[in-house]
Amino acid sequence: MKIMGHHDEPLWRRAATTTLHISLILKADLEEMLQEETGLLLADNEALINLSLQPMRMSDIAEKLVLSRGGTTKVIDRLEELGHVTRRPDPDDRRATLVEITDSGRQARADARAVVDRGLEKVWSQHITNDEASVIVGVMQRVLDASHGAKH
């Protein structure tokens, strides 16, 4: 497979399109591995990651997952059916619901992390140095900060 873009395009554009393309490929590969080995989807895993830090409102989960409210409801419904999360009224706002991770959810999160780490290690750690990884993280953080700042 070849890097996307033409040589006459600006390098920044080739970098951006390549990043997007690789992200899509990596997401599909990780999703397949995760689903085969744990029965979870990537969105389920991302929800469990966030909920392992603290209980959250549905709207906050939607924002973290970059999903619609309907999409978030489907994720939380699926996780609740599996026994990985529970819902309870928010004591600070009776109209809101808090979602909490269960012990089963913590175990599922640990199992999913092992799968994702194995997949990422295969694709990343064997092919880049720590210095290269540091540059990638720095650049992606700047792009994320600029993107986030543009929306707010």
N, C-alpha and C. Protein backbone atom coordinates (compact mmCIF):
# COMPACT_ATOMS: atom_id res chain seq x y z
N MET A 1 0.85 -1.17 0.00
CA MET A 1 0.00 0.00 0.00
C MET A 1 0.90 1.23 0.00
N LYS A 2 0.47 2.24 -0.68
CA LYS A 2 1.26 3.45 -0.84
C LYS A 2 0.62 4.61 -0.09
N ILE A 3 1.44 5.55 0.37
CA ILE A 3 0.96 6.76 1.04
C ILE A 3 0.02 7.50 0.10
N MET A 4 -1.07 8.01 0.66
CA MET A 4 -2.06 8.72 -0.16
C MET A 4 -1.53 10.07 -0.62
N GLY A 5 -2.08 10.56 -1.71
CA GLY A 5 -1.75 11.88 -2.21
C GLY A 5 -0.76 11.83 -3.36
N HIS A 6 -0.64 12.95 -4.03
CA HIS A 6 0.27 13.09 -5.16
C HIS A 6 1.47 13.91 -4.73
N HIS A 7 2.58 13.69 -5.41
CA HIS A 7 3.80 14.42 -5.07
C HIS A 7 3.67 15.92 -5.27
N ASP A 8 2.74 16.37 -6.11
CA ASP A 8 2.59 17.81 -6.34
C ASP A 8 1.69 18.48 -5.29
N GLU A 9 1.10 17.70 -4.39
CA GLU A 9 0.29 18.27 -3.31
C GLU A 9 1.19 18.77 -2.20
N PRO A 10 0.72 19.77 -1.45
CA PRO A 10 1.52 20.22 -0.30
C PRO A 10 1.73 19.07 0.68
N LEU A 11 2.88 19.04 1.28
CA LEU A 11 3.21 17.97 2.22
C LEU A 11 2.24 17.91 3.39
N TRP A 12 1.78 19.08 3.88
CA TRP A 12 0.84 19.08 5.00
C TRP A 12 -0.45 18.34 4.62
N ARG A 13 -0.89 18.49 3.35
CA ARG A 13 -2.11 17.81 2.91
C ARG A 13 -1.88 16.31 2.84
N ARG A 14 -0.75 15.90 2.32
CA ARG A 14 -0.44 14.46 2.26
C ARG A 14 -0.37 13.88 3.66
N ALA A 15 0.21 14.63 4.61
CA ALA A 15 0.28 14.16 5.99
C ALA A 15 -1.12 14.00 6.58
N ALA A 16 -1.99 14.98 6.33
CA ALA A 16 -3.34 14.93 6.87
C ALA A 16 -4.13 13.77 6.27
N THR A 17 -4.10 13.60 4.95
CA THR A 17 -4.87 12.53 4.33
C THR A 17 -4.31 11.16 4.70
N THR A 18 -3.00 11.07 4.85
CA THR A 18 -2.40 9.80 5.27
C THR A 18 -2.82 9.47 6.70
N THR A 19 -2.83 10.46 7.58
CA THR A 19 -3.26 10.25 8.96
C THR A 19 -4.70 9.75 9.01
N LEU A 20 -5.56 10.40 8.24
CA LEU A 20 -6.97 9.97 8.20
C LEU A 20 -7.10 8.55 7.67
N HIS A 21 -6.39 8.25 6.59
CA HIS A 21 -6.46 6.93 5.97
C HIS A 21 -5.97 5.84 6.94
N ILE A 22 -4.84 6.08 7.57
CA ILE A 22 -4.29 5.10 8.50
C ILE A 22 -5.21 4.94 9.70
N SER A 23 -5.82 6.03 10.15
CA SER A 23 -6.76 5.94 11.27
C SER A 23 -7.94 5.04 10.94
N LEU A 24 -8.46 5.17 9.73
CA LEU A 24 -9.59 4.33 9.33
C LEU A 24 -9.20 2.86 9.27
N ILE A 25 -8.03 2.59 8.71
CA ILE A 25 -7.56 1.21 8.62
C ILE A 25 -7.33 0.63 10.02
N LEU A 26 -6.65 1.39 10.86
CA LEU A 26 -6.35 0.94 12.22
C LEU A 26 -7.64 0.73 13.01
N LYS A 27 -8.58 1.65 12.87
CA LYS A 27 -9.85 1.52 13.57
C LYS A 27 -10.57 0.23 13.16
N ALA A 28 -10.60 -0.04 11.87
CA ALA A 28 -11.27 -1.26 11.39
C ALA A 28 -10.58 -2.51 11.92
N ASP A 29 -9.25 -2.52 11.89
CA ASP A 29 -8.49 -3.67 12.40
C ASP A 29 -8.71 -3.89 13.89
N LEU A 30 -8.65 -2.80 14.67
CA LEU A 30 -8.84 -2.91 16.11
C LEU A 30 -10.27 -3.32 16.45
N GLU A 31 -11.23 -2.77 15.71
CA GLU A 31 -12.63 -3.12 15.94
C GLU A 31 -12.85 -4.62 15.73
N GLU A 32 -12.28 -5.15 14.67
CA GLU A 32 -12.42 -6.57 14.37
C GLU A 32 -11.79 -7.43 15.47
N MET A 33 -10.57 -7.09 15.87
CA MET A 33 -9.90 -7.84 16.94
C MET A 33 -10.69 -7.77 18.24
N LEU A 34 -11.12 -6.57 18.59
CA LEU A 34 -11.83 -6.36 19.85
C LEU A 34 -13.14 -7.12 19.87
N GLN A 35 -13.87 -7.06 18.77
CA GLN A 35 -15.16 -7.74 18.72
C GLN A 35 -14.98 -9.26 18.78
N GLU A 36 -13.99 -9.77 18.05
CA GLU A 36 -13.73 -11.21 18.06
C GLU A 36 -13.35 -11.72 19.44
N GLU A 37 -12.49 -10.97 20.13
CA GLU A 37 -11.92 -11.47 21.39
C GLU A 37 -12.70 -11.08 22.64
N THR A 38 -13.48 -9.98 22.57
CA THR A 38 -14.19 -9.55 23.79
C THR A 38 -15.67 -9.33 23.57
N GLY A 39 -16.11 -9.26 22.33
CA GLY A 39 -17.51 -8.95 22.04
C GLY A 39 -17.83 -7.47 22.12
N LEU A 40 -16.82 -6.64 22.40
CA LEU A 40 -17.02 -5.20 22.51
C LEU A 40 -16.70 -4.49 21.20
N LEU A 41 -17.32 -3.35 21.02
CA LEU A 41 -16.98 -2.46 19.92
C LEU A 41 -16.02 -1.40 20.45
N LEU A 42 -15.35 -0.69 19.56
CA LEU A 42 -14.43 0.36 20.00
C LEU A 42 -15.17 1.42 20.82
N ALA A 43 -16.37 1.78 20.42
CA ALA A 43 -17.14 2.78 21.17
C ALA A 43 -17.46 2.27 22.58
N ASP A 44 -17.74 0.97 22.70
CA ASP A 44 -17.96 0.38 24.03
C ASP A 44 -16.71 0.55 24.89
N ASN A 45 -15.58 0.23 24.29
CA ASN A 45 -14.31 0.32 25.00
C ASN A 45 -14.03 1.77 25.42
N GLU A 46 -14.26 2.71 24.52
CA GLU A 46 -14.03 4.12 24.84
C GLU A 46 -14.94 4.57 25.98
N ALA A 47 -16.18 4.11 25.96
CA ALA A 47 -17.10 4.45 27.05
C ALA A 47 -16.59 3.88 28.37
N LEU A 48 -16.15 2.63 28.36
CA LEU A 48 -15.63 2.01 29.59
C LEU A 48 -14.38 2.73 30.08
N ILE A 49 -13.52 3.16 29.16
CA ILE A 49 -12.32 3.92 29.56
C ILE A 49 -12.74 5.17 30.32
N ASN A 50 -13.66 5.93 29.76
CA ASN A 50 -14.09 7.17 30.39
C ASN A 50 -14.84 6.92 31.70
N LEU A 51 -15.67 5.89 31.73
CA LEU A 51 -16.44 5.60 32.94
C LEU A 51 -15.58 5.00 34.05
N SER A 52 -14.43 4.46 33.70
CA SER A 52 -13.54 3.92 34.73
C SER A 52 -12.92 5.05 35.56
N LEU A 53 -12.97 6.27 35.05
CA LEU A 53 -12.44 7.42 35.78
C LEU A 53 -13.46 7.98 36.77
N GLN A 54 -14.74 8.00 36.35
CA GLN A 54 -15.80 8.54 37.20
C GLN A 54 -17.15 8.29 36.53
N PRO A 55 -18.23 8.27 37.33
CA PRO A 55 -19.56 8.21 36.73
C PRO A 55 -19.77 9.46 35.87
N MET A 56 -20.54 9.31 34.80
CA MET A 56 -20.74 10.42 33.88
C MET A 56 -22.18 10.51 33.44
N ARG A 57 -22.61 11.72 33.09
CA ARG A 57 -23.91 11.93 32.47
C ARG A 57 -23.84 11.47 31.01
N MET A 58 -24.98 11.12 30.48
CA MET A 58 -25.04 10.66 29.09
C MET A 58 -24.51 11.73 28.13
N SER A 59 -24.85 12.99 28.37
CA SER A 59 -24.39 14.06 27.48
C SER A 59 -22.87 14.19 27.50
N ASP A 60 -22.26 13.97 28.66
CA ASP A 60 -20.80 14.04 28.76
C ASP A 60 -20.14 12.84 28.06
N ILE A 61 -20.77 11.68 28.16
CA ILE A 61 -20.27 10.51 27.46
C ILE A 61 -20.33 10.75 25.95
N ALA A 62 -21.45 11.28 25.49
CA ALA A 62 -21.61 11.57 24.05
C ALA A 62 -20.51 12.50 23.57
N GLU A 63 -20.20 13.52 24.35
CA GLU A 63 -19.15 14.47 23.98
C GLU A 63 -17.79 13.78 23.92
N LYS A 64 -17.48 12.96 24.90
CA LYS A 64 -16.19 12.26 24.94
C LYS A 64 -16.05 11.28 23.79
N LEU A 65 -17.14 10.60 23.44
CA LEU A 65 -17.10 9.60 22.38
C LEU A 65 -17.27 10.19 20.99
N VAL A 66 -17.62 11.47 20.93
CA VAL A 66 -17.91 12.15 19.68
C VAL A 66 -19.01 11.38 18.94
N LEU A 67 -20.09 11.13 19.68
CA LEU A 67 -21.26 10.44 19.14
C LEU A 67 -22.50 11.28 19.38
N SER A 68 -23.54 11.00 18.61
CA SER A 68 -24.83 11.63 18.86
C SER A 68 -25.39 11.08 20.17
N ARG A 69 -26.39 11.73 20.68
CA ARG A 69 -27.04 11.21 21.89
C ARG A 69 -27.64 9.84 21.64
N GLY A 70 -28.24 9.67 20.45
CA GLY A 70 -28.82 8.37 20.10
C GLY A 70 -27.77 7.28 20.01
N GLY A 71 -26.64 7.61 19.40
CA GLY A 71 -25.53 6.65 19.32
C GLY A 71 -24.98 6.30 20.68
N THR A 72 -24.90 7.29 21.54
CA THR A 72 -24.43 7.05 22.91
C THR A 72 -25.40 6.18 23.67
N THR A 73 -26.68 6.42 23.49
CA THR A 73 -27.69 5.59 24.16
C THR A 73 -27.54 4.13 23.73
N LYS A 74 -27.29 3.89 22.45
CA LYS A 74 -27.09 2.51 21.98
C LYS A 74 -25.88 1.87 22.64
N VAL A 75 -24.79 2.61 22.75
CA VAL A 75 -23.58 2.09 23.40
C VAL A 75 -23.87 1.75 24.85
N ILE A 76 -24.49 2.67 25.56
CA ILE A 76 -24.76 2.44 26.99
C ILE A 76 -25.79 1.33 27.17
N ASP A 77 -26.80 1.27 26.32
CA ASP A 77 -27.77 0.16 26.38
C ASP A 77 -27.06 -1.18 26.23
N ARG A 78 -26.15 -1.27 25.25
CA ARG A 78 -25.42 -2.52 25.01
C ARG A 78 -24.57 -2.88 26.23
N LEU A 79 -23.86 -1.90 26.78
CA LEU A 79 -23.02 -2.15 27.95
C LEU A 79 -23.85 -2.52 29.17
N GLU A 80 -25.01 -1.92 29.30
CA GLU A 80 -25.90 -2.25 30.42
C GLU A 80 -26.42 -3.68 30.29
N GLU A 81 -26.80 -4.08 29.08
CA GLU A 81 -27.26 -5.45 28.85
C GLU A 81 -26.18 -6.47 29.20
N LEU A 82 -24.92 -6.11 28.97
CA LEU A 82 -23.80 -6.99 29.29
C LEU A 82 -23.45 -6.96 30.78
N GLY A 83 -24.05 -6.05 31.52
CA GLY A 83 -23.77 -5.92 32.95
C GLY A 83 -22.52 -5.11 33.25
N HIS A 84 -22.04 -4.35 32.26
CA HIS A 84 -20.79 -3.59 32.43
C HIS A 84 -21.00 -2.19 32.99
N VAL A 85 -22.24 -1.68 32.91
CA VAL A 85 -22.56 -0.37 33.48
C VAL A 85 -23.95 -0.41 34.11
N THR A 86 -24.18 0.54 35.00
CA THR A 86 -25.50 0.75 35.56
C THR A 86 -25.84 2.23 35.44
N ARG A 87 -27.12 2.51 35.47
CA ARG A 87 -27.59 3.90 35.43
C ARG A 87 -28.28 4.20 36.75
N ARG A 88 -28.13 5.46 37.17
CA ARG A 88 -28.83 5.91 38.37
C ARG A 88 -29.12 7.41 38.22
N PRO A 89 -30.12 7.88 38.93
CA PRO A 89 -30.43 9.32 38.86
C PRO A 89 -29.24 10.14 39.36
N ASP A 90 -29.03 11.27 38.73
CA ASP A 90 -27.98 12.20 39.16
C ASP A 90 -28.51 12.94 40.38
N PRO A 91 -27.83 12.83 41.54
CA PRO A 91 -28.34 13.50 42.75
C PRO A 91 -28.34 15.03 42.62
N ASP A 92 -27.55 15.56 41.70
CA ASP A 92 -27.49 17.01 41.53
C ASP A 92 -28.50 17.55 40.52
N ASP A 93 -29.09 16.64 39.72
CA ASP A 93 -30.04 17.06 38.68
C ASP A 93 -30.99 15.90 38.41
N ARG A 94 -32.19 15.98 38.93
CA ARG A 94 -33.13 14.87 38.82
C ARG A 94 -33.49 14.53 37.39
N ARG A 95 -33.28 15.46 36.46
CA ARG A 95 -33.58 15.19 35.05
C ARG A 95 -32.49 14.37 34.37
N ALA A 96 -31.31 14.34 34.98
CA ALA A 96 -30.15 13.68 34.36
C ALA A 96 -29.93 12.29 34.95
N THR A 97 -29.23 11.48 34.17
CA THR A 97 -28.87 10.12 34.59
C THR A 97 -27.36 10.00 34.62
N LEU A 98 -26.85 9.38 35.65
CA LEU A 98 -25.43 9.07 35.73
C LEU A 98 -25.22 7.61 35.33
N VAL A 99 -24.16 7.37 34.60
CA VAL A 99 -23.79 6.01 34.22
C VAL A 99 -22.52 5.66 34.98
N GLU A 100 -22.52 4.48 35.60
CA GLU A 100 -21.37 4.02 36.37
C GLU A 100 -20.89 2.68 35.83
N ILE A 101 -19.59 2.47 35.88
CA ILE A 101 -19.01 1.19 35.48
C ILE A 101 -19.18 0.20 36.63
N THR A 102 -19.40 -1.06 36.31
CA THR A 102 -19.52 -2.12 37.31
C THR A 102 -18.19 -2.89 37.38
N ASP A 103 -18.11 -3.81 38.32
CA ASP A 103 -16.92 -4.67 38.40
C ASP A 103 -16.75 -5.46 37.11
N SER A 104 -17.86 -5.93 36.55
CA SER A 104 -17.82 -6.65 35.27
C SER A 104 -17.28 -5.73 34.18
N GLY A 105 -17.68 -4.48 34.21
CA GLY A 105 -17.20 -3.50 33.23
C GLY A 105 -15.72 -3.24 33.39
N ARG A 106 -15.23 -3.20 34.62
CA ARG A 106 -13.79 -3.00 34.85
C ARG A 106 -12.99 -4.18 34.29
N GLN A 107 -13.52 -5.39 34.46
CA GLN A 107 -12.85 -6.56 33.91
C GLN A 107 -12.88 -6.54 32.39
N ALA A 108 -14.03 -6.17 31.83
CA ALA A 108 -14.15 -6.08 30.37
C ALA A 108 -13.19 -5.02 29.84
N ARG A 109 -13.05 -3.93 30.56
CA ARG A 109 -12.11 -2.86 30.17
C ARG A 109 -10.68 -3.37 30.17
N ALA A 110 -10.31 -4.12 31.19
CA ALA A 110 -8.96 -4.69 31.27
C ALA A 110 -8.72 -5.68 30.12
N ASP A 111 -9.71 -6.52 29.83
CA ASP A 111 -9.59 -7.48 28.74
C ASP A 111 -9.45 -6.75 27.40
N ALA A 112 -10.26 -5.71 27.22
CA ALA A 112 -10.21 -4.93 25.97
C ALA A 112 -8.88 -4.21 25.84
N ARG A 113 -8.36 -3.70 26.94
CA ARG A 113 -7.08 -2.99 26.88
C ARG A 113 -5.98 -3.92 26.39
N ALA A 114 -5.98 -5.14 26.84
CA ALA A 114 -4.97 -6.11 26.41
C ALA A 114 -5.05 -6.33 24.90
N VAL A 115 -6.25 -6.43 24.38
CA VAL A 115 -6.45 -6.64 22.94
C VAL A 115 -5.98 -5.42 22.16
N VAL A 116 -6.43 -4.24 22.59
CA VAL A 116 -6.07 -3.00 21.89
C VAL A 116 -4.56 -2.77 21.97
N ASP A 117 -3.99 -2.97 23.15
CA ASP A 117 -2.53 -2.79 23.29
C ASP A 117 -1.76 -3.72 22.36
N ARG A 118 -2.21 -4.96 22.26
CA ARG A 118 -1.54 -5.91 21.37
C ARG A 118 -1.64 -5.44 19.92
N GLY A 119 -2.81 -4.97 19.52
CA GLY A 119 -3.00 -4.48 18.16
C GLY A 119 -2.17 -3.24 17.88
N LEU A 120 -2.15 -2.30 18.81
CA LEU A 120 -1.38 -1.07 18.62
C LEU A 120 0.12 -1.35 18.62
N GLU A 121 0.54 -2.26 19.48
CA GLU A 121 1.96 -2.60 19.53
C GLU A 121 2.42 -3.17 18.20
N LYS A 122 1.60 -4.03 17.63
CA LYS A 122 1.93 -4.63 16.34
C LYS A 122 2.10 -3.58 15.25
N VAL A 123 1.24 -2.58 15.26
CA VAL A 123 1.25 -1.56 14.22
C VAL A 123 2.25 -0.44 14.51
N TRP A 124 2.39 -0.07 15.78
CA TRP A 124 3.18 1.11 16.12
C TRP A 124 4.55 0.82 16.71
N SER A 125 4.59 0.17 17.84
CA SER A 125 5.84 0.14 18.61
C SER A 125 6.99 -0.54 17.89
N GLN A 126 6.68 -1.44 17.02
CA GLN A 126 7.74 -2.14 16.29
C GLN A 126 8.27 -1.33 15.11
N HIS A 127 7.59 -0.21 14.80
CA HIS A 127 7.91 0.52 13.59
C HIS A 127 8.35 1.96 13.81
N ILE A 128 8.23 2.45 15.04
CA ILE A 128 8.65 3.82 15.31
C ILE A 128 9.47 3.88 16.59
N THR A 129 10.34 4.86 16.65
CA THR A 129 11.14 5.07 17.86
C THR A 129 10.36 5.92 18.85
N ASN A 130 10.84 6.00 20.08
CA ASN A 130 10.20 6.86 21.07
C ASN A 130 10.26 8.32 20.65
N ASP A 131 11.36 8.73 20.03
CA ASP A 131 11.47 10.12 19.55
C ASP A 131 10.42 10.41 18.48
N GLU A 132 10.23 9.47 17.56
CA GLU A 132 9.21 9.65 16.52
C GLU A 132 7.81 9.69 17.14
N ALA A 133 7.57 8.82 18.11
CA ALA A 133 6.28 8.80 18.79
C ALA A 133 6.03 10.13 19.49
N SER A 134 7.06 10.69 20.10
CA SER A 134 6.93 11.98 20.77
C SER A 134 6.57 13.09 19.79
N VAL A 135 7.17 13.07 18.61
CA VAL A 135 6.85 14.07 17.58
C VAL A 135 5.40 13.90 17.14
N ILE A 136 4.97 12.67 16.90
CA ILE A 136 3.59 12.42 16.47
C ILE A 136 2.60 12.92 17.52
N VAL A 137 2.85 12.59 18.78
CA VAL A 137 1.94 13.03 19.85
C VAL A 137 1.91 14.56 19.92
N GLY A 138 3.06 15.19 19.82
CA GLY A 138 3.10 16.65 19.86
C GLY A 138 2.34 17.30 18.72
N VAL A 139 2.53 16.78 17.52
CA VAL A 139 1.83 17.34 16.35
C VAL A 139 0.33 17.10 16.47
N MET A 140 -0.06 15.90 16.84
CA MET A 140 -1.49 15.59 16.94
C MET A 140 -2.14 16.44 18.04
N GLN A 141 -1.43 16.69 19.13
CA GLN A 141 -1.98 17.53 20.19
C GLN A 141 -2.20 18.96 19.70
N ARG A 142 -1.25 19.48 18.93
CA ARG A 142 -1.42 20.84 18.38
C ARG A 142 -2.62 20.90 17.44
N VAL A 143 -2.77 19.88 16.59
CA VAL A 143 -3.90 19.84 15.65
C VAL A 143 -5.21 19.73 16.44
N LEU A 144 -5.24 18.87 17.44
CA LEU A 144 -6.44 18.71 18.27
C LEU A 144 -6.78 20.01 18.99
N ASP A 145 -5.79 20.65 19.57
CA ASP A 145 -6.02 21.91 20.27
C ASP A 145 -6.58 22.96 19.32
N ALA A 146 -6.02 23.04 18.11
CA ALA A 146 -6.50 24.02 17.12
C ALA A 146 -7.92 23.69 16.70
N SER A 147 -8.21 22.42 16.50
CA SER A 147 -9.55 21.98 16.10
C SER A 147 -10.55 22.25 17.20
N HIS A 148 -10.18 21.90 18.43
CA HIS A 148 -11.07 22.10 19.58
C HIS A 148 -11.31 23.59 19.80
N GLY A 149 -10.28 24.40 19.65
CA GLY A 149 -10.41 25.85 19.81
C GLY A 149 -11.30 26.46 18.76
N ALA A 150 -11.29 25.89 17.56
CA ALA A 150 -12.10 26.41 16.46
C ALA A 150 -13.59 26.15 16.70
N LYS A 151 -13.91 25.10 17.43
CA LYS A 151 -15.31 24.73 17.67
C LYS A 151 -15.91 25.49 18.84
N HIS A 152 -15.07 26.01 19.71
CA HIS A 152 -15.58 26.67 20.92
C HIS A 152 -15.19 28.11 20.98
